Amino acid sequence: MTHQLLLYPMAAHIAWVAFLYVLLTIVRAPAVWGVIKSKKENWASIEPRI
């Protein structure tokens, strides 16, 4: 019974972490891969911590 109580929160946590990883990769990829040439066009103006 205990494993059933932990299964869904653990699965939700893994899904959330995977989503955040993909989101941050997409946000940072243009600057890292050189798609954005000017530093003025990156996400730093929107979110300076990224």
Protein backbone atom coordinates (compact mmCIF):
# COMPACT_ATOMS: atom_id res chain seq x y z
CA MET A 1 0.00 0.00 0.00
CA THR A 2 2.83 2.39 0.76
CA HIS A 3 4.25 2.07 -2.73
CA GLN A 4 0.93 3.20 -4.20
CA LEU A 5 0.97 6.33 -2.06
CA LEU A 6 4.44 7.25 -3.28
CA LEU A 7 4.09 6.23 -6.91
CA TYR A 8 2.03 9.19 -8.17
CA PRO A 9 3.94 11.95 -6.36
CA MET A 10 7.24 10.47 -7.56
CA ALA A 11 5.97 10.22 -11.14
CA ALA A 12 4.70 13.81 -10.97
CA HIS A 13 8.06 14.98 -9.66
CA ILE A 14 9.96 13.22 -12.45
CA ALA A 15 7.59 14.66 -15.06
CA TRP A 16 7.98 18.16 -13.58
CA VAL A 17 11.79 17.93 -13.58
CA ALA A 18 11.81 16.66 -17.17
CA PHE A 19 9.51 19.51 -18.23
CA LEU A 20 11.72 22.12 -16.56
CA TYR A 21 14.84 20.61 -18.13
CA VAL A 22 13.31 20.78 -21.61
CA LEU A 23 11.98 24.29 -21.04
CA LEU A 24 15.31 25.67 -19.82
CA THR A 25 17.15 23.89 -22.64
CA ILE A 26 14.86 25.51 -25.21
CA VAL A 27 15.24 28.92 -23.58
CA ARG A 28 19.05 28.75 -23.46
CA ALA A 29 19.69 26.85 -26.69
CA PRO A 30 19.64 29.82 -29.11
CA ALA A 31 22.34 31.68 -27.16
CA VAL A 32 24.44 28.56 -26.60
CA TRP A 33 24.19 27.32 -30.18
CA GLY A 34 24.87 30.78 -31.61
CA VAL A 35 21.45 31.30 -33.20
CA ILE A 36 21.17 34.63 -31.43
CA LYS A 37 24.12 36.78 -32.47
CA SER A 38 23.37 39.87 -30.40
CA LYS A 39 23.29 39.71 -26.62
CA LYS A 40 20.42 42.22 -26.67
CA GLU A 41 18.04 39.66 -28.17
CA ASN A 42 18.42 36.94 -25.56
CA TRP A 43 16.30 36.09 -22.54
CA ALA A 44 18.48 38.12 -20.17
CA SER A 45 16.27 41.14 -20.62
CA ILE A 46 13.24 39.10 -19.57
CA GLU A 47 14.83 36.93 -16.89
CA PRO A 48 18.32 37.96 -15.85
CA ARG A 49 19.02 34.78 -13.88
CA ILE A 50 18.77 32.51 -16.93
